[in-house]
Protein backbone atom coordinates (compact mmCIF):
# COMPACT_ATOMS: atom_id res chain seq x y z
CA MET A 1 107.37 117.47 127.09
CA LYS A 2 105.92 114.65 125.04
CA LEU A 3 103.19 114.18 127.65
CA LEU A 4 102.25 117.86 127.48
CA THR A 5 102.05 117.70 123.69
CA THR A 6 99.81 114.65 123.88
CA ILE A 7 97.52 116.28 126.43
CA ALA A 8 97.32 119.45 124.33
CA ALA A 9 96.46 117.41 121.23
CA LEU A 10 93.73 115.54 123.12
CA LEU A 11 92.23 118.75 124.47
CA LEU A 12 92.30 120.31 121.03
CA SER A 13 90.63 117.29 119.46
CA PHE A 14 87.92 117.26 122.16
CA SER A 15 87.22 120.95 121.67
CA ALA A 16 87.17 120.51 117.89
CA PHE A 17 84.81 117.55 118.25
CA SER A 18 82.36 119.48 120.43
CA GLN A 19 82.24 122.51 118.10
CA ASP A 20 81.87 120.71 114.74
CA LEU A 21 85.22 122.10 113.63
CA ILE A 22 86.98 120.86 110.53
CA GLU A 23 90.21 118.91 110.87
CA TYR A 24 92.60 118.42 107.97
CA ARG A 25 95.40 115.87 107.64
CA ASP A 26 96.97 114.06 104.73
CA PHE A 27 94.62 115.43 102.05
CA LYS A 28 91.51 114.39 103.98
CA PHE A 29 89.00 116.50 105.88
CA TYR A 30 87.30 115.34 109.09
CA GLN A 31 84.35 116.68 111.05
CA ASN A 32 83.24 115.20 114.39
CA GLY A 33 85.80 112.43 114.01
CA SER A 34 84.53 111.11 110.67
CA GLU A 35 85.92 111.78 107.22
CA ILE A 36 83.97 114.13 104.95
CA SER A 37 84.20 114.29 101.18
CA PHE A 38 85.42 117.16 99.02
CA GLU A 39 81.81 117.77 97.97
CA GLU A 40 80.78 118.25 101.60
CA VAL A 41 83.68 120.66 102.13
CA THR A 42 82.54 122.54 99.02
CA GLU A 43 79.06 122.84 100.53
CA LEU A 44 80.55 124.12 103.80
CA THR A 45 82.57 126.77 101.95
CA LYS A 46 79.36 127.87 100.23
CA GLN A 47 77.36 127.78 103.46
CA TYR A 48 79.85 129.91 105.39
CA GLY A 49 80.98 132.00 102.43
CA VAL A 50 84.70 131.51 103.06
CA ALA A 51 87.67 129.87 101.31
CA LYS A 52 85.81 129.08 98.08
CA VAL A 53 88.72 130.08 95.85
CA ALA A 54 91.40 128.50 98.06
CA PHE A 55 89.56 125.18 98.12
CA LYS A 56 88.99 125.24 94.35
CA GLN A 57 92.69 125.95 93.77
CA GLY A 58 93.63 123.21 96.21
CA ARG A 59 91.46 120.67 94.40
CA ARG A 60 92.96 121.66 91.06
CA ASP A 61 96.51 121.37 92.41
CA PHE A 62 95.70 118.06 94.12
CA ALA A 63 94.36 116.66 90.83
CA ALA A 64 97.56 117.80 89.08
CA SER A 65 99.66 116.10 91.77
CA GLN A 66 97.85 112.80 91.21
CA SER A 67 97.97 112.74 87.40
CA THR A 68 100.96 113.34 85.15
CA LEU A 69 98.62 114.31 82.30
CA ARG A 70 96.93 117.03 84.36
CA ALA A 71 100.29 118.35 85.56
CA THR A 72 101.54 118.47 81.98
CA ARG A 73 98.41 120.30 80.80
CA ARG A 74 98.74 122.87 83.59
CA ASN A 75 102.42 123.38 82.77
CA LEU A 76 101.74 123.75 79.04
CA THR A 77 98.99 126.28 79.64
CA ASN A 78 100.99 128.27 82.16
CA GLY A 79 104.12 128.06 79.99
CA ALA A 80 102.24 129.46 76.99
CA LEU A 81 100.83 132.27 79.13
CA ALA A 82 104.28 133.02 80.53
CA TYR A 83 105.74 133.16 77.02
CA ALA A 84 102.93 135.43 75.80
CA GLY A 85 103.35 137.67 78.85
CA GLY A 86 107.08 137.99 78.23
CA TYR A 87 106.53 138.71 74.56
CA GLY A 88 103.88 141.33 75.39
CA ALA A 89 106.16 142.92 77.98
CA GLY A 90 108.99 143.23 75.49
CA ALA A 91 106.71 144.61 72.78
CA GLY A 92 105.11 147.08 75.18
CA LEU A 93 108.45 148.38 76.38
CA ILE A 94 109.79 148.74 72.83
CA PHE A 95 106.66 150.59 71.71
CA SER A 96 106.88 152.86 74.74
CA MET A 97 110.45 153.84 73.81
CA PHE A 98 109.56 154.83 70.24
CA GLN A 99 106.03 156.16 70.64
CA GLU A 100 106.60 158.00 73.91
CA GLU A 101 103.16 156.97 75.06
CA PRO A 102 102.98 155.84 78.69
CA ILE A 103 100.12 153.44 77.95
CA TYR A 104 102.50 151.07 76.14
CA PHE A 105 104.82 151.06 79.13
CA TYR A 106 101.97 150.16 81.49
CA LEU A 107 100.68 147.48 79.13
CA GLY A 108 104.21 146.06 79.06
CA LEU A 109 104.32 145.99 82.85
CA ILE A 110 100.95 144.23 83.02
CA SER A 111 102.14 141.65 80.48
CA ALA A 112 105.36 141.14 82.45
CA TRP A 113 103.36 140.53 85.63
CA GLU A 114 101.11 138.02 83.83
CA GLY A 115 104.16 136.22 82.48
CA TYR A 116 105.79 136.06 85.90
CA TYR A 117 102.60 134.85 87.58
CA SER A 118 102.05 132.12 84.99
CA LEU A 119 105.67 131.02 85.21
CA ARG A 120 105.35 130.79 88.98
CA LEU A 121 102.37 128.43 88.66
CA MET A 122 104.38 125.85 86.73
CA GLY A 123 105.70 122.94 88.74
CA THR A 124 106.32 119.29 89.34
CA LYS A 125 103.86 116.83 90.85
CA LYS A 126 105.58 117.33 94.20
CA LYS A 127 105.16 121.11 93.99
CA PHE A 128 101.48 120.73 93.06
CA LYS A 129 100.99 118.44 96.08
CA LYS A 130 102.66 120.94 98.42
CA ARG A 131 100.56 123.79 97.02
CA ALA A 132 97.36 121.72 97.42
CA ASP A 133 98.29 120.92 101.03
CA GLU A 134 98.76 124.62 101.79
CA LYS A 135 95.42 125.54 100.19
CA PHE A 136 93.58 122.78 102.06
CA MET A 137 95.08 123.90 105.38
CA GLU A 138 93.99 127.46 104.60
CA THR A 139 90.49 126.21 103.79
CA ALA A 140 90.21 124.29 107.08
CA HIS A 141 91.49 127.30 109.04
CA LYS A 142 89.02 129.72 107.44
CA LEU A 143 86.11 127.28 107.86
CA ASN A 144 86.96 126.83 111.54
CA GLU A 145 87.04 130.58 112.07
CA ALA A 146 83.62 130.90 110.44
CA ILE A 147 82.19 127.99 112.45
CA GLN A 148 83.48 129.46 115.72
CA LEU A 149 82.00 132.84 114.89
CA GLY A 150 78.74 131.20 113.83
CA LYS A 151 78.52 133.33 110.72
CA GLY A 152 77.00 131.12 108.10
CA LYS A 153 75.45 132.43 104.93
CA TRP A 154 72.00 132.00 106.45
CA HIS A 155 72.89 133.40 109.85
CA PHE A 156 70.71 136.38 110.76
CA ARG A 157 71.24 138.67 113.69
CA VAL A 158 68.21 139.99 115.48
CA PHE A 159 68.71 143.32 117.18
CA PRO A 160 66.44 144.37 120.03
CA GLU A 161 64.06 147.19 119.31
CA PHE A 162 64.50 150.36 121.30
């Protein structure tokens, strides 16, 4: 079984090497067997028009996982937004009960969603690292799909004239 896994890994690496695919491991990206920088990955996401947001979020989470100050800033910002969202949700629901206007109810629901989303983004350095790893894997996967399809930003299809 171990031999089959090794052979499969070798075949996959050879096929990735021949197609200029992106490999990702341990917070580093590789192309054709050599490491590429985050700036080069950014250029690839622009060139192929995929995973721009995921890679940006991954870089932000990776920076927060490496620095306690950045993690604290992110948690303070998201905590303040979560508090404001909860406060807005409560106010919106109270206004909707007394004013009988549905707009206050919907504003309260939107505020509650914002509070929940911001609260969900808070985390420890370990959680930021895990989130960055997931975003980087997603970026590599989407870039590889785009490379295999050959659909770069500057890729033009020529159709035959009839």
